[in-house]
Amino acid sequence: MITIVAKTKVRENKKQEFLKITEELIQKSQNEEGCISYDLYEDIADPYTLTFIESWEDMEAIDLHNKAEHFMKIVPKLADLTEGEIEVRSYRPAK
């Protein structure tokens, strides 16, 4: 299993638009083969810091996800609503 944590800071006047756009991304991603979970979380201390936490069966599932039509269409739109880079980290269970 691989977990991806993708954290971003949404512009204050763009949060509702960001959330609306992510609805499709989350729903379609959750239905992809190899997806264990795919959710969006809001930082309790800063409601404009949003984090996707995704769990996938393996790298093959992630590669397919990153090439999926909905991913390639939606992610560039999200980048326009954020401040700075989206910080993405990948994790696996410790051995």
PDB file of N, CA and C in Angstrom:
ATOM      1  N   MET A   1       0.839  -1.176   0.000  1.00  0.00           N
ATOM      2  CA  MET A   1       0.000   0.000   0.000  1.00  0.00           C
ATOM      3  C   MET A   1       0.886   1.242   0.000  1.00  0.00           C
ATOM      4  N   ILE A   2       0.463   2.254  -0.748  1.00  0.00           N
ATOM      5  CA  ILE A   2       1.168   3.529  -0.802  1.00  0.00           C
ATOM      6  C   ILE A   2       0.169   4.626  -0.472  1.00  0.00           C
ATOM      7  N   THR A   3       0.552   5.520   0.420  1.00  0.00           N
ATOM      8  CA  THR A   3      -0.287   6.650   0.788  1.00  0.00           C
ATOM      9  C   THR A   3       0.343   7.925   0.263  1.00  0.00           C
ATOM     10  N   ILE A   4      -0.470   8.749  -0.355  1.00  0.00           N
ATOM     11  CA  ILE A   4      -0.025  10.038  -0.871  1.00  0.00           C
ATOM     12  C   ILE A   4      -0.700  11.133  -0.056  1.00  0.00           C
ATOM     13  N   VAL A   5       0.110  12.106   0.357  1.00  0.00           N
ATOM     14  CA  VAL A   5      -0.395  13.270   1.078  1.00  0.00           C
ATOM     15  C   VAL A   5      -0.049  14.485   0.230  1.00  0.00           C
ATOM     16  N   ALA A   6      -1.083  15.163  -0.278  1.00  0.00           N
ATOM     17  CA  ALA A   6      -0.891  16.335  -1.139  1.00  0.00           C
ATOM     18  C   ALA A   6      -1.535  17.542  -0.466  1.00  0.00           C
ATOM     19  N   LYS A   7      -0.687  18.452   0.012  1.00  0.00           N
ATOM     20  CA  LYS A   7      -1.143  19.599   0.802  1.00  0.00           C
ATOM     21  C   LYS A   7      -1.017  20.887   0.004  1.00  0.00           C
ATOM     22  N   THR A   8      -2.038  21.734   0.119  1.00  0.00           N
ATOM     23  CA  THR A   8      -2.030  23.003  -0.612  1.00  0.00           C
ATOM     24  C   THR A   8      -2.706  24.091   0.202  1.00  0.00           C
ATOM     25  N   LYS A   9      -2.370  25.307  -0.117  1.00  0.00           N
ATOM     26  CA  LYS A   9      -2.999  26.487   0.496  1.00  0.00           C
ATOM     27  C   LYS A   9      -3.896  27.110  -0.569  1.00  0.00           C
ATOM     28  N   VAL A  10      -5.193  27.147  -0.292  1.00  0.00           N
ATOM     29  CA  VAL A  10      -6.160  27.688  -1.237  1.00  0.00           C
ATOM     30  C   VAL A  10      -6.326  29.190  -0.981  1.00  0.00           C
ATOM     31  N   ARG A  11      -6.424  29.935  -2.051  1.00  0.00           N
ATOM     32  CA  ARG A  11      -6.672  31.375  -1.918  1.00  0.00           C
ATOM     33  C   ARG A  11      -8.011  31.583  -1.214  1.00  0.00           C
ATOM     34  N   GLU A  12      -8.047  32.538  -0.300  1.00  0.00           N
ATOM     35  CA  GLU A  12      -9.242  32.748   0.531  1.00  0.00           C
ATOM     36  C   GLU A  12     -10.516  32.928  -0.275  1.00  0.00           C
ATOM     37  N   ASN A  13     -10.464  33.649  -1.356  1.00  0.00           N
ATOM     38  CA  ASN A  13     -11.675  33.894  -2.133  1.00  0.00           C
ATOM     39  C   ASN A  13     -11.961  32.781  -3.148  1.00  0.00           C
ATOM     40  N   LYS A  14     -11.181  31.701  -3.111  1.00  0.00           N
ATOM     41  CA  LYS A  14     -11.341  30.613  -4.086  1.00  0.00           C
ATOM     42  C   LYS A  14     -11.674  29.261  -3.443  1.00  0.00           C
ATOM     43  N   LYS A  15     -11.870  29.234  -2.138  1.00  0.00           N
ATOM     44  CA  LYS A  15     -12.065  27.946  -1.454  1.00  0.00           C
ATOM     45  C   LYS A  15     -13.317  27.210  -1.950  1.00  0.00           C
ATOM     46  N   GLN A  16     -14.444  27.893  -2.052  1.00  0.00           N
ATOM     47  CA  GLN A  16     -15.676  27.219  -2.475  1.00  0.00           C
ATOM     48  C   GLN A  16     -15.554  26.677  -3.893  1.00  0.00           C
ATOM     49  N   GLU A  17     -14.907  27.425  -4.760  1.00  0.00           N
ATOM     50  CA  GLU A  17     -14.675  26.950  -6.128  1.00  0.00           C
ATOM     51  C   GLU A  17     -13.778  25.717  -6.118  1.00  0.00           C
ATOM     52  N   PHE A  18     -12.735  25.748  -5.298  1.00  0.00           N
ATOM     53  CA  PHE A  18     -11.822  24.615  -5.158  1.00  0.00           C
ATOM     54  C   PHE A  18     -12.596  23.374  -4.702  1.00  0.00           C
ATOM     55  N   LEU A  19     -13.414  23.538  -3.669  1.00  0.00           N
ATOM     56  CA  LEU A  19     -14.182  22.405  -3.138  1.00  0.00           C
ATOM     57  C   LEU A  19     -15.150  21.846  -4.177  1.00  0.00           C
ATOM     58  N   LYS A  20     -15.772  22.711  -4.926  1.00  0.00           N
ATOM     59  CA  LYS A  20     -16.722  22.263  -5.964  1.00  0.00           C
ATOM     60  C   LYS A  20     -15.996  21.444  -7.035  1.00  0.00           C
ATOM     61  N   ILE A  21     -14.860  21.935  -7.478  1.00  0.00           N
ATOM     62  CA  ILE A  21     -14.096  21.236  -8.513  1.00  0.00           C
ATOM     63  C   ILE A  21     -13.595  19.881  -8.012  1.00  0.00           C
ATOM     64  N   THR A  22     -13.230  19.817  -6.741  1.00  0.00           N
ATOM     65  CA  THR A  22     -12.667  18.559  -6.217  1.00  0.00           C
ATOM     66  C   THR A  22     -13.714  17.463  -6.047  1.00  0.00           C
ATOM     67  N   GLU A  23     -14.987  17.818  -6.028  1.00  0.00           N
ATOM     68  CA  GLU A  23     -16.027  16.790  -5.883  1.00  0.00           C
ATOM     69  C   GLU A  23     -15.885  15.708  -6.954  1.00  0.00           C
ATOM     70  N   GLU A  24     -15.742  16.118  -8.195  1.00  0.00           N
ATOM     71  CA  GLU A  24     -15.607  15.159  -9.301  1.00  0.00           C
ATOM     72  C   GLU A  24     -14.309  14.372  -9.179  1.00  0.00           C
ATOM     73  N   LEU A  25     -13.224  15.057  -8.857  1.00  0.00           N
ATOM     74  CA  LEU A  25     -11.933  14.386  -8.711  1.00  0.00           C
ATOM     75  C   LEU A  25     -11.998  13.297  -7.643  1.00  0.00           C
ATOM     76  N   ILE A  26     -12.569  13.626  -6.501  1.00  0.00           N
ATOM     77  CA  ILE A  26     -12.651  12.665  -5.397  1.00  0.00           C
ATOM     78  C   ILE A  26     -13.532  11.478  -5.779  1.00  0.00           C
ATOM     79  N   GLN A  27     -14.712  11.756  -6.305  1.00  0.00           N
ATOM     80  CA  GLN A  27     -15.635  10.676  -6.647  1.00  0.00           C
ATOM     81  C   GLN A  27     -15.035   9.730  -7.683  1.00  0.00           C
ATOM     82  N   LYS A  28     -14.500  10.276  -8.755  1.00  0.00           N
ATOM     83  CA  LYS A  28     -13.957   9.426  -9.812  1.00  0.00           C
ATOM     84  C   LYS A  28     -12.697   8.702  -9.352  1.00  0.00           C
ATOM     85  N   SER A  29     -11.891   9.340  -8.545  1.00  0.00           N
ATOM     86  CA  SER A  29     -10.677   8.694  -8.041  1.00  0.00           C
ATOM     87  C   SER A  29     -11.022   7.539  -7.108  1.00  0.00           C
ATOM     88  N   GLN A  30     -12.028   7.734  -6.248  1.00  0.00           N
ATOM     89  CA  GLN A  30     -12.442   6.666  -5.332  1.00  0.00           C
ATOM     90  C   GLN A  30     -12.930   5.433  -6.081  1.00  0.00           C
ATOM     91  N   ASN A  31     -13.421   5.620  -7.288  1.00  0.00           N
ATOM     92  CA  ASN A  31     -13.935   4.498  -8.086  1.00  0.00           C
ATOM     93  C   ASN A  31     -12.881   3.836  -8.963  1.00  0.00           C
ATOM     94  N   GLU A  32     -11.664   4.360  -8.942  1.00  0.00           N
ATOM     95  CA  GLU A  32     -10.604   3.773  -9.756  1.00  0.00           C
ATOM     96  C   GLU A  32     -10.136   2.449  -9.165  1.00  0.00           C
ATOM     97  N   GLU A  33      -9.766   1.543 -10.059  1.00  0.00           N
ATOM     98  CA  GLU A  33      -9.196   0.272  -9.625  1.00  0.00           C
ATOM     99  C   GLU A  33      -7.886   0.554  -8.895  1.00  0.00           C
ATOM    100  N   GLY A  34      -7.705  -0.059  -7.757  1.00  0.00           N
ATOM    101  CA  GLY A  34      -6.481   0.109  -6.977  1.00  0.00           C
ATOM    102  C   GLY A  34      -6.563   1.206  -5.931  1.00  0.00           C
ATOM    103  N   CYS A  35      -7.660   1.970  -5.927  1.00  0.00           N
ATOM    104  CA  CYS A  35      -7.827   3.024  -4.930  1.00  0.00           C
ATOM    105  C   CYS A  35      -8.405   2.420  -3.652  1.00  0.00           C
ATOM    106  N   ILE A  36      -7.710   2.609  -2.560  1.00  0.00           N
ATOM    107  CA  ILE A  36      -8.194   2.153  -1.255  1.00  0.00           C
ATOM    108  C   ILE A  36      -9.007   3.270  -0.606  1.00  0.00           C
ATOM    109  N   SER A  37      -8.488   4.501  -0.661  1.00  0.00           N
ATOM    110  CA  SER A  37      -9.219   5.664  -0.153  1.00  0.00           C
ATOM    111  C   SER A  37      -8.685   6.917  -0.827  1.00  0.00           C
ATOM    112  N   TYR A  38      -9.536   7.953  -0.870  1.00  0.00           N
ATOM    113  CA  TYR A  38      -9.172   9.213  -1.519  1.00  0.00           C
ATOM    114  C   TYR A  38     -10.082  10.281  -0.938  1.00  0.00           C
ATOM    115  N   ASP A  39      -9.542  11.120  -0.047  1.00  0.00           N
ATOM    116  CA  ASP A  39     -10.358  12.102   0.644  1.00  0.00           C
ATOM    117  C   ASP A  39      -9.625  13.428   0.767  1.00  0.00           C
ATOM    118  N   LEU A  40     -10.391  14.481   1.017  1.00  0.00           N
ATOM    119  CA  LEU A  40      -9.853  15.819   1.193  1.00  0.00           C
ATOM    120  C   LEU A  40     -10.123  16.267   2.624  1.00  0.00           C
ATOM    121  N   TYR A  41      -9.082  16.803   3.274  1.00  0.00           N
ATOM    122  CA  TYR A  41      -9.189  17.242   4.658  1.00  0.00           C
ATOM    123  C   TYR A  41      -8.839  18.717   4.777  1.00  0.00           C
ATOM    124  N   GLU A  42      -9.485  19.368   5.751  1.00  0.00           N
ATOM    125  CA  GLU A  42      -9.242  20.776   6.042  1.00  0.00           C
ATOM    126  C   GLU A  42      -8.463  20.872   7.348  1.00  0.00           C
ATOM    127  N   ASP A  43      -7.415  21.673   7.348  1.00  0.00           N
ATOM    128  CA  ASP A  43      -6.614  21.906   8.554  1.00  0.00           C
ATOM    129  C   ASP A  43      -7.487  22.612   9.593  1.00  0.00           C
ATOM    130  N   ILE A  44      -7.511  22.104  10.795  1.00  0.00           N
ATOM    131  CA  ILE A  44      -8.334  22.681  11.863  1.00  0.00           C
ATOM    132  C   ILE A  44      -7.873  24.100  12.209  1.00  0.00           C
ATOM    133  N   ALA A  45      -6.579  24.334  12.216  1.00  0.00           N
ATOM    134  CA  ALA A  45      -6.034  25.647  12.566  1.00  0.00           C
ATOM    135  C   ALA A  45      -6.080  26.644  11.410  1.00  0.00           C
ATOM    136  N   ASP A  46      -6.152  26.149  10.182  1.00  0.00           N
ATOM    137  CA  ASP A  46      -6.156  27.026   9.011  1.00  0.00           C
ATOM    138  C   ASP A  46      -7.084  26.436   7.951  1.00  0.00           C
ATOM    139  N   PRO A  47      -8.320  26.898   7.869  1.00  0.00           N
ATOM    140  CA  PRO A  47      -9.292  26.303   6.950  1.00  0.00           C
ATOM    141  C   PRO A  47      -8.970  26.479   5.467  1.00  0.00           C
ATOM    142  N   TYR A  48      -7.920  27.220   5.157  1.00  0.00           N
ATOM    143  CA  TYR A  48      -7.518  27.377   3.755  1.00  0.00           C
ATOM    144  C   TYR A  48      -6.371  26.439   3.376  1.00  0.00           C
ATOM    145  N   THR A  49      -5.911  25.666   4.338  1.00  0.00           N
ATOM    146  CA  THR A  49      -4.941  24.617   4.046  1.00  0.00           C
ATOM    147  C   THR A  49      -5.717  23.317   3.910  1.00  0.00           C
ATOM    148  N   LEU A  50      -5.707  22.776   2.699  1.00  0.00           N
ATOM    149  CA  LEU A  50      -6.448  21.558   2.396  1.00  0.00           C
ATOM    150  C   LEU A  50      -5.472  20.464   1.974  1.00  0.00           C
ATOM    151  N   THR A  51      -5.774  19.248   2.384  1.00  0.00           N
ATOM    152  CA  THR A  51      -4.869  18.131   2.131  1.00  0.00           C
ATOM    153  C   THR A  51      -5.634  16.921   1.603  1.00  0.00           C
ATOM    154  N   PHE A  52      -5.195  16.446   0.446  1.00  0.00           N
ATOM    155  CA  PHE A  52      -5.695  15.172  -0.066  1.00  0.00           C
ATOM    156  C   PHE A  52      -4.879  14.069   0.599  1.00  0.00           C
ATOM    157  N   ILE A  53      -5.564  13.061   1.112  1.00  0.00           N
ATOM    158  CA  ILE A  53      -4.889  11.871   1.634  1.00  0.00           C
ATOM    159  C   ILE A  53      -5.469  10.694   0.865  1.00  0.00           C
ATOM    160  N   GLU A  54      -4.584  10.024   0.134  1.00  0.00           N
ATOM    161  CA  GLU A  54      -4.979   8.950  -0.768  1.00  0.00           C
ATOM    162  C   GLU A  54      -4.204   7.692  -0.423  1.00  0.00           C
ATOM    163  N   SER A  55      -4.855   6.556  -0.499  1.00  0.00           N
ATOM    164  CA  SER A  55      -4.167   5.274  -0.341  1.00  0.00           C
ATOM    165  C   SER A  55      -4.445   4.427  -1.571  1.00  0.00           C
ATOM    166  N   TRP A  56      -3.377   3.834  -2.093  1.00  0.00           N
ATOM    167  CA  TRP A  56      -3.426   3.048  -3.317  1.00  0.00           C
ATOM    168  C   TRP A  56      -2.787   1.687  -3.075  1.00  0.00           C
ATOM    169  N   GLU A  57      -3.233   0.702  -3.842  1.00  0.00           N
ATOM    170  CA  GLU A  57      -2.689  -0.652  -3.695  1.00  0.00           C
ATOM    171  C   GLU A  57      -1.208  -0.710  -4.048  1.00  0.00           C
ATOM    172  N   ASP A  58      -0.805  -0.005  -5.129  1.00  0.00           N
ATOM    173  CA  ASP A  58       0.585  -0.083  -5.582  1.00  0.00           C
ATOM    174  C   ASP A  58       0.904   1.073  -6.529  1.00  0.00           C
ATOM    175  N   MET A  59       2.135   1.147  -6.981  1.00  0.00           N
ATOM    176  CA  MET A  59       2.566   2.219  -7.886  1.00  0.00           C
ATOM    177  C   MET A  59       1.843   2.151  -9.231  1.00  0.00           C
ATOM    178  N   GLU A  60       1.522   0.963  -9.677  1.00  0.00           N
ATOM    179  CA  GLU A  60       0.800   0.831 -10.948  1.00  0.00           C
ATOM    180  C   GLU A  60      -0.546   1.559 -10.878  1.00  0.00           C
ATOM    181  N   ALA A  61      -1.255   1.415  -9.758  1.00  0.00           N
ATOM    182  CA  ALA A  61      -2.541   2.100  -9.589  1.00  0.00           C
ATOM    183  C   ALA A  61      -2.346   3.615  -9.574  1.00  0.00           C
ATOM    184  N   ILE A  62      -1.283   4.084  -8.943  1.00  0.00           N
ATOM    185  CA  ILE A  62      -0.990   5.522  -8.902  1.00  0.00           C
ATOM    186  C   ILE A  62      -0.663   6.038 -10.297  1.00  0.00           C
ATOM    187  N   ASP A  63       0.139   5.292 -11.031  1.00  0.00           N
ATOM    188  CA  ASP A  63       0.491   5.709 -12.388  1.00  0.00           C
ATOM    189  C   ASP A  63      -0.755   5.825 -13.266  1.00  0.00           C
ATOM    190  N   LEU A  64      -1.661   4.859 -13.158  1.00  0.00           N
ATOM    191  CA  LEU A  64      -2.901   4.910 -13.928  1.00  0.00           C
ATOM    192  C   LEU A  64      -3.756   6.101 -13.498  1.00  0.00           C
ATOM    193  N   HIS A  65      -3.796   6.363 -12.204  1.00  0.00           N
ATOM    194  CA  HIS A  65      -4.547   7.507 -11.677  1.00  0.00           C
ATOM    195  C   HIS A  65      -4.003   8.820 -12.240  1.00  0.00           C
ATOM    196  N   ASN A  66      -2.679   8.958 -12.218  1.00  0.00           N
ATOM    197  CA  ASN A  66      -2.057  10.193 -12.693  1.00  0.00           C
ATOM    198  C   ASN A  66      -2.268  10.422 -14.191  1.00  0.00           C
ATOM    199  N   LYS A  67      -2.607   9.377 -14.926  1.00  0.00           N
ATOM    200  CA  LYS A  67      -2.862   9.485 -16.360  1.00  0.00           C
ATOM    201  C   LYS A  67      -4.355   9.505 -16.684  1.00  0.00           C
ATOM    202  N   ALA A  68      -5.193   9.376 -15.663  1.00  0.00           N
ATOM    203  CA  ALA A  68      -6.640   9.326 -15.878  1.00  0.00           C
ATOM    204  C   ALA A  68      -7.149  10.667 -16.417  1.00  0.00           C
ATOM    205  N   GLU A  69      -8.144  10.587 -17.276  1.00  0.00           N
ATOM    206  CA  GLU A  69      -8.683  11.787 -17.924  1.00  0.00           C
ATOM    207  C   GLU A  69      -9.149  12.826 -16.893  1.00  0.00           C
ATOM    208  N   HIS A  70      -9.890  12.373 -15.870  1.00  0.00           N
ATOM    209  CA  HIS A  70     -10.396  13.323 -14.876  1.00  0.00           C
ATOM    210  C   HIS A  70      -9.251  13.986 -14.099  1.00  0.00           C
ATOM    211  N   PHE A  71      -8.209  13.240 -13.792  1.00  0.00           N
ATOM    212  CA  PHE A  71      -7.061  13.803 -13.073  1.00  0.00           C
ATOM    213  C   PHE A  71      -6.369  14.862 -13.919  1.00  0.00           C
ATOM    214  N   MET A  72      -6.118  14.535 -15.176  1.00  0.00           N
ATOM    215  CA  MET A  72      -5.399  15.449 -16.070  1.00  0.00           C
ATOM    216  C   MET A  72      -6.216  16.706 -16.382  1.00  0.00           C
ATOM    217  N   LYS A  73      -7.528  16.594 -16.315  1.00  0.00           N
ATOM    218  CA  LYS A  73      -8.405  17.731 -16.587  1.00  0.00           C
ATOM    219  C   LYS A  73      -8.561  18.634 -15.356  1.00  0.00           C
ATOM    220  N   ILE A  74      -8.691  18.042 -14.182  1.00  0.00           N
ATOM    221  CA  ILE A  74      -9.046  18.790 -12.976  1.00  0.00           C
ATOM    222  C   ILE A  74      -7.836  19.400 -12.260  1.00  0.00           C
ATOM    223  N   VAL A  75      -6.752  18.668 -12.131  1.00  0.00           N
ATOM    224  CA  VAL A  75      -5.606  19.149 -11.346  1.00  0.00           C
ATOM    225  C   VAL A  75      -5.068  20.501 -11.834  1.00  0.00           C
ATOM    226  N   PRO A  76      -4.933  20.736 -13.134  1.00  0.00           N
ATOM    227  CA  PRO A  76      -4.486  22.075 -13.556  1.00  0.00           C
ATOM    228  C   PRO A  76      -5.434  23.197 -13.122  1.00  0.00           C
ATOM    229  N   LYS A  77      -6.730  22.914 -13.073  1.00  0.00           N
ATOM    230  CA  LYS A  77      -7.696  23.909 -12.607  1.00  0.00           C
ATOM    231  C   LYS A  77      -7.469  24.235 -11.131  1.00  0.00           C
ATOM    232  N   LEU A  78      -7.135  23.229 -10.337  1.00  0.00           N
ATOM    233  CA  LEU A  78      -6.905  23.443  -8.911  1.00  0.00           C
ATOM    234  C   LEU A  78      -5.671  24.301  -8.674  1.00  0.00           C
ATOM    235  N   ALA A  79      -4.661  24.110  -9.480  1.00  0.00           N
ATOM    236  CA  ALA A  79      -3.421  24.875  -9.318  1.00  0.00           C
ATOM    237  C   ALA A  79      -3.682  26.369  -9.459  1.00  0.00           C
ATOM    238  N   ASP A  80      -4.652  26.742 -10.276  1.00  0.00           N
ATOM    239  CA  ASP A  80      -4.990  28.155 -10.462  1.00  0.00           C
ATOM    240  C   ASP A  80      -5.678  28.769  -9.246  1.00  0.00           C
ATOM    241  N   LEU A  81      -6.153  27.927  -8.336  1.00  0.00           N
ATOM    242  CA  LEU A  81      -6.894  28.405  -7.163  1.00  0.00           C
ATOM    243  C   LEU A  81      -6.062  28.399  -5.893  1.00  0.00           C
ATOM    244  N   THR A  82      -4.806  28.022  -6.009  1.00  0.00           N
ATOM    245  CA  THR A  82      -3.959  27.879  -4.833  1.00  0.00           C
ATOM    246  C   THR A  82      -2.822  28.891  -4.816  1.00  0.00           C
ATOM    247  N   GLU A  83      -2.210  28.994  -3.646  1.00  0.00           N
ATOM    248  CA  GLU A  83      -1.037  29.845  -3.477  1.00  0.00           C
ATOM    249  C   GLU A  83       0.194  28.944  -3.422  1.00  0.00           C
ATOM    250  N   GLY A  84       1.127  29.154  -4.301  1.00  0.00           N
ATOM    251  CA  GLY A  84       2.354  28.355  -4.289  1.00  0.00           C
ATOM    252  C   GLY A  84       2.152  26.954  -4.817  1.00  0.00           C
ATOM    253  N   GLU A  85       3.140  26.134  -4.557  1.00  0.00           N
ATOM    254  CA  GLU A  85       3.163  24.748  -5.043  1.00  0.00           C
ATOM    255  C   GLU A  85       2.301  23.835  -4.173  1.00  0.00           C
ATOM    256  N   ILE A  86       1.792  22.787  -4.777  1.00  0.00           N
ATOM    257  CA  ILE A  86       1.141  21.727  -4.015  1.00  0.00           C
ATOM    258  C   ILE A  86       2.250  20.799  -3.525  1.00  0.00           C
ATOM    259  N   GLU A  87       2.305  20.602  -2.216  1.00  0.00           N
ATOM    260  CA  GLU A  87       3.346  19.743  -1.625  1.00  0.00           C
ATOM    261  C   GLU A  87       2.840  18.307  -1.622  1.00  0.00           C
ATOM    262  N   VAL A  88       3.545  17.430  -2.333  1.00  0.00           N
ATOM    263  CA  VAL A  88       3.132  16.037  -2.462  1.00  0.00           C
ATOM    264  C   VAL A  88       4.200  15.126  -1.872  1.00  0.00           C
ATOM    265  N   ARG A  89       3.797  14.245  -0.992  1.00  0.00           N
ATOM    266  CA  ARG A  89       4.700  13.249  -0.394  1.00  0.00           C
ATOM    267  C   ARG A  89       4.050  11.878  -0.487  1.00  0.00           C
ATOM    268  N   SER A  90       4.895  10.864  -0.675  1.00  0.00           N
ATOM    269  CA  SER A  90       4.409   9.477  -0.754  1.00  0.00           C
ATOM    270  C   SER A  90       4.971   8.688   0.418  1.00  0.00           C
ATOM    271  N   TYR A  91       4.143   7.803   0.952  1.00  0.00           N
ATOM    272  CA  TYR A  91       4.521   7.004   2.126  1.00  0.00           C
ATOM    273  C   TYR A  91       4.154   5.541   1.902  1.00  0.00           C
ATOM    274  N   ARG A  92       4.898   4.674   2.540  1.00  0.00           N
ATOM    275  CA  ARG A  92       4.564   3.251   2.568  1.00  0.00           C
ATOM    276  C   ARG A  92       4.699   2.779   4.016  1.00  0.00           C
ATOM    277  N   PRO A  93       4.093   1.662   4.359  1.00  0.00           N
ATOM    278  CA  PRO A  93       4.208   1.167   5.732  1.00  0.00           C
ATOM    279  C   PRO A  93       5.675   0.919   6.098  1.00  0.00           C
ATOM    280  N   ALA A  94       6.030   1.278   7.306  1.00  0.00           N
ATOM    281  CA  ALA A  94       7.407   1.062   7.782  1.00  0.00           C
ATOM    282  C   ALA A  94       7.636  -0.427   7.982  1.00  0.00           C
ATOM    283  N   LYS A  95       8.867  -0.831   7.695  1.00  0.00           N
ATOM    284  CA  LYS A  95       9.208  -2.258   7.826  1.00  0.00           C
ATOM    285  C   LYS A  95      10.090  -2.473   9.031  1.00  0.00           C
TER     286      LYS A  95
END
